[in-house]
Amino acid sequence: MSKHQELLKEFGYFAQSARTVEALMEQIVQRLHDTMTRYNWVGFYVVDKAKPGFLILGPHVGSFAPLESISLDRGLCGAAATTKKTVVVNNVAADPRYMAGSELVKSEIVVPVLMKGALFGEIDINSYFANTFAPADQEFVEACAALVGSFLEKPR
């Protein structure tokens, strides 16, 4: 079993007993940061209910101070949020949409978290290495986002 499969299985088990979506997101960011060597900053941004059109920082782990709030019309996070599609950039210096959180970041993946088709938030992963996110990483992070979306859709 691959590391991706092992983690998804672990997250699935945790989701069965997690009391809140925040607890589930906290578990995911911590384990991804601890386990995946090149995932140097892992965090969730969630739709700001008080300020439509913005994402606010949710559970996160990593080695730099992230942006606390992001407009939906800015950056890679905004692009993923408005299109509801994964954004993978393996060389952030070459993408004009990139908003630097740290000069150390070389690649980034942002995956929307959808709840019944509506944007709830997104998972954002930054790496200090170029070309970190292969198609297998994209599928894995998309599965993590889908797990959070499924958790949100279940009645509690």
Protein backbone atom coordinates (compact mmCIF):
# COMPACT_ATOMS: atom_id res chain seq x y z
CA MET A 1 0.00 0.00 0.00
CA SER A 2 1.37 3.43 -0.96
CA LYS A 3 1.87 6.24 1.53
CA HIS A 4 -1.02 8.07 -0.15
CA GLN A 5 -3.33 5.07 0.29
CA GLU A 6 -2.28 4.58 3.91
CA LEU A 7 -2.98 8.22 4.76
CA LEU A 8 -6.35 8.22 2.99
CA LYS A 9 -7.35 5.11 4.92
CA GLU A 10 -6.25 6.75 8.18
CA PHE A 11 -8.17 9.94 7.35
CA GLY A 12 -11.26 7.89 6.48
CA TYR A 13 -11.17 6.17 9.86
CA PHE A 14 -10.63 9.48 11.64
CA ALA A 15 -13.55 11.06 9.74
CA GLN A 16 -15.89 8.41 11.15
CA SER A 17 -15.31 9.63 14.70
CA ALA A 18 -14.32 13.29 14.21
CA ARG A 19 -16.68 15.61 16.06
CA THR A 20 -16.14 18.65 13.83
CA VAL A 21 -14.85 19.51 10.40
CA GLU A 22 -12.14 21.60 12.10
CA ALA A 23 -10.89 18.50 13.92
CA LEU A 24 -10.76 16.57 10.65
CA MET A 25 -8.94 19.38 8.85
CA GLU A 26 -6.50 19.69 11.77
CA GLN A 27 -5.71 15.97 11.57
CA ILE A 28 -5.20 16.11 7.81
CA VAL A 29 -2.84 19.11 7.84
CA GLN A 30 -0.79 17.73 10.72
CA ARG A 31 -0.37 14.27 9.21
CA LEU A 32 0.39 15.58 5.72
CA HIS A 33 3.00 17.96 7.08
CA ASP A 34 4.54 15.26 9.30
CA THR A 35 4.48 12.47 6.71
CA MET A 36 4.98 13.97 3.27
CA THR A 37 8.56 15.25 3.16
CA ARG A 38 8.08 17.91 0.49
CA TYR A 39 4.77 19.27 1.86
CA ASN A 40 6.41 22.14 3.76
CA TRP A 41 3.25 24.14 4.51
CA VAL A 42 -0.22 22.59 4.57
CA GLY A 43 -3.38 24.48 5.37
CA PHE A 44 -7.04 24.99 4.75
CA TYR A 45 -8.72 28.21 3.77
CA VAL A 46 -12.48 28.43 4.26
CA VAL A 47 -15.08 30.75 2.80
CA ASP A 48 -15.50 33.75 5.09
CA LYS A 49 -19.19 33.91 6.03
CA ALA A 50 -18.77 37.47 7.33
CA LYS A 51 -17.04 38.76 4.17
CA PRO A 52 -18.34 37.09 1.01
CA GLY A 53 -15.66 36.97 -1.65
CA PHE A 54 -12.88 36.11 0.80
CA LEU A 55 -11.24 33.01 2.18
CA ILE A 56 -9.93 32.98 5.74
CA LEU A 57 -7.14 30.87 7.15
CA GLY A 58 -8.23 27.65 8.82
CA PRO A 59 -6.16 24.85 10.35
CA HIS A 60 -2.58 24.96 9.08
CA VAL A 61 0.91 23.71 9.82
CA GLY A 62 4.20 24.85 8.39
CA SER A 63 7.29 26.93 8.54
CA PHE A 64 6.11 30.37 7.46
CA ALA A 65 3.36 32.81 8.36
CA PRO A 66 0.56 32.51 5.78
CA LEU A 67 -1.86 35.14 4.57
CA GLU A 68 -4.80 35.41 7.00
CA SER A 69 -7.34 36.33 4.33
CA ILE A 70 -7.37 35.96 0.54
CA SER A 71 -9.72 37.60 -1.93
CA LEU A 72 -11.39 35.16 -4.31
CA ASP A 73 -10.11 37.22 -7.23
CA ARG A 74 -6.42 36.96 -6.28
CA GLY A 75 -3.67 34.38 -6.43
CA LEU A 76 -3.65 30.65 -6.93
CA CYS A 77 -6.11 30.21 -4.06
CA GLY A 78 -8.54 32.60 -5.70
CA ALA A 79 -8.14 30.82 -9.04
CA ALA A 80 -8.94 27.43 -7.49
CA ALA A 81 -11.88 28.86 -5.55
CA THR A 82 -13.52 30.66 -8.47
CA THR A 83 -13.08 27.83 -10.98
CA LYS A 84 -13.71 25.05 -8.41
CA LYS A 85 -10.80 23.24 -10.05
CA THR A 86 -7.41 22.13 -8.77
CA VAL A 87 -4.51 24.46 -9.48
CA VAL A 88 -1.05 22.88 -9.65
CA VAL A 89 1.98 25.09 -10.19
CA ASN A 90 5.34 23.36 -10.07
CA ASN A 91 7.28 26.60 -10.61
CA VAL A 92 5.52 29.48 -8.84
CA ALA A 93 8.08 32.00 -10.13
CA ALA A 94 6.70 31.43 -13.64
CA ASP A 95 3.04 31.98 -12.69
CA PRO A 96 1.92 35.63 -12.41
CA ARG A 97 -1.06 34.61 -10.23
CA TYR A 98 1.24 33.48 -7.40
CA MET A 99 1.08 35.67 -4.26
CA ALA A 100 4.24 35.03 -2.27
CA GLY A 101 3.73 33.85 1.29
CA SER A 102 7.41 32.94 1.44
CA GLU A 103 10.29 33.38 -0.98
CA LEU A 104 11.23 29.76 -0.22
CA VAL A 105 8.13 28.32 -1.93
CA LYS A 106 8.85 26.78 -5.33
CA SER A 107 5.65 24.83 -6.02
CA GLU A 108 2.05 24.87 -4.82
CA ILE A 109 -1.17 22.91 -5.18
CA VAL A 110 -4.60 24.26 -4.25
CA VAL A 111 -7.65 21.98 -4.27
CA PRO A 112 -11.20 23.23 -3.67
CA VAL A 113 -13.31 21.58 -0.97
CA LEU A 114 -16.88 21.38 -2.21
CA MET A 115 -20.01 20.66 -0.22
CA LYS A 116 -22.94 19.70 -2.46
CA GLY A 117 -21.23 21.53 -5.32
CA ALA A 118 -20.76 24.76 -3.36
CA LEU A 119 -17.35 26.04 -2.31
CA PHE A 120 -16.63 25.43 1.38
CA GLY A 121 -12.92 26.16 1.18
CA GLU A 122 -9.72 24.64 -0.08
CA ILE A 123 -6.60 22.78 0.90
CA ASP A 124 -3.38 24.58 0.01
CA ILE A 125 0.04 22.91 0.05
CA ASN A 126 3.34 24.70 -0.53
CA SER A 127 6.69 23.05 -1.21
CA TYR A 128 10.20 24.45 -1.04
CA PHE A 129 11.06 22.22 -4.02
CA ALA A 130 10.19 22.70 -7.68
CA ASN A 131 8.17 19.99 -9.40
CA THR A 132 6.81 18.50 -6.17
CA PHE A 133 3.29 17.79 -7.33
CA ALA A 134 3.05 14.85 -9.75
CA PRO A 135 -0.33 13.58 -10.98
CA ALA A 136 -0.36 11.04 -8.11
CA ASP A 137 -0.02 13.91 -5.59
CA GLN A 138 -2.85 15.78 -7.29
CA GLU A 139 -5.14 12.74 -7.08
CA PHE A 140 -4.17 12.25 -3.44
CA VAL A 141 -4.81 15.87 -2.39
CA GLU A 142 -8.08 15.87 -4.34
CA ALA A 143 -9.11 12.74 -2.41
CA CYS A 144 -8.30 14.51 0.88
CA ALA A 145 -10.46 17.48 -0.18
CA ALA A 146 -13.28 15.14 -1.22
CA LEU A 147 -13.13 13.42 2.17
CA VAL A 148 -13.66 16.78 3.91
CA GLY A 149 -16.52 17.58 1.52
CA SER A 150 -18.18 14.22 2.25
CA PHE A 151 -17.78 14.80 5.99
CA LEU A 152 -19.57 18.15 5.65
CA GLU A 153 -22.46 16.61 3.70
CA LYS A 154 -23.26 13.97 6.33
CA PRO A 155 -25.86 14.93 8.93
CA ARG A 156 -24.43 15.18 12.44
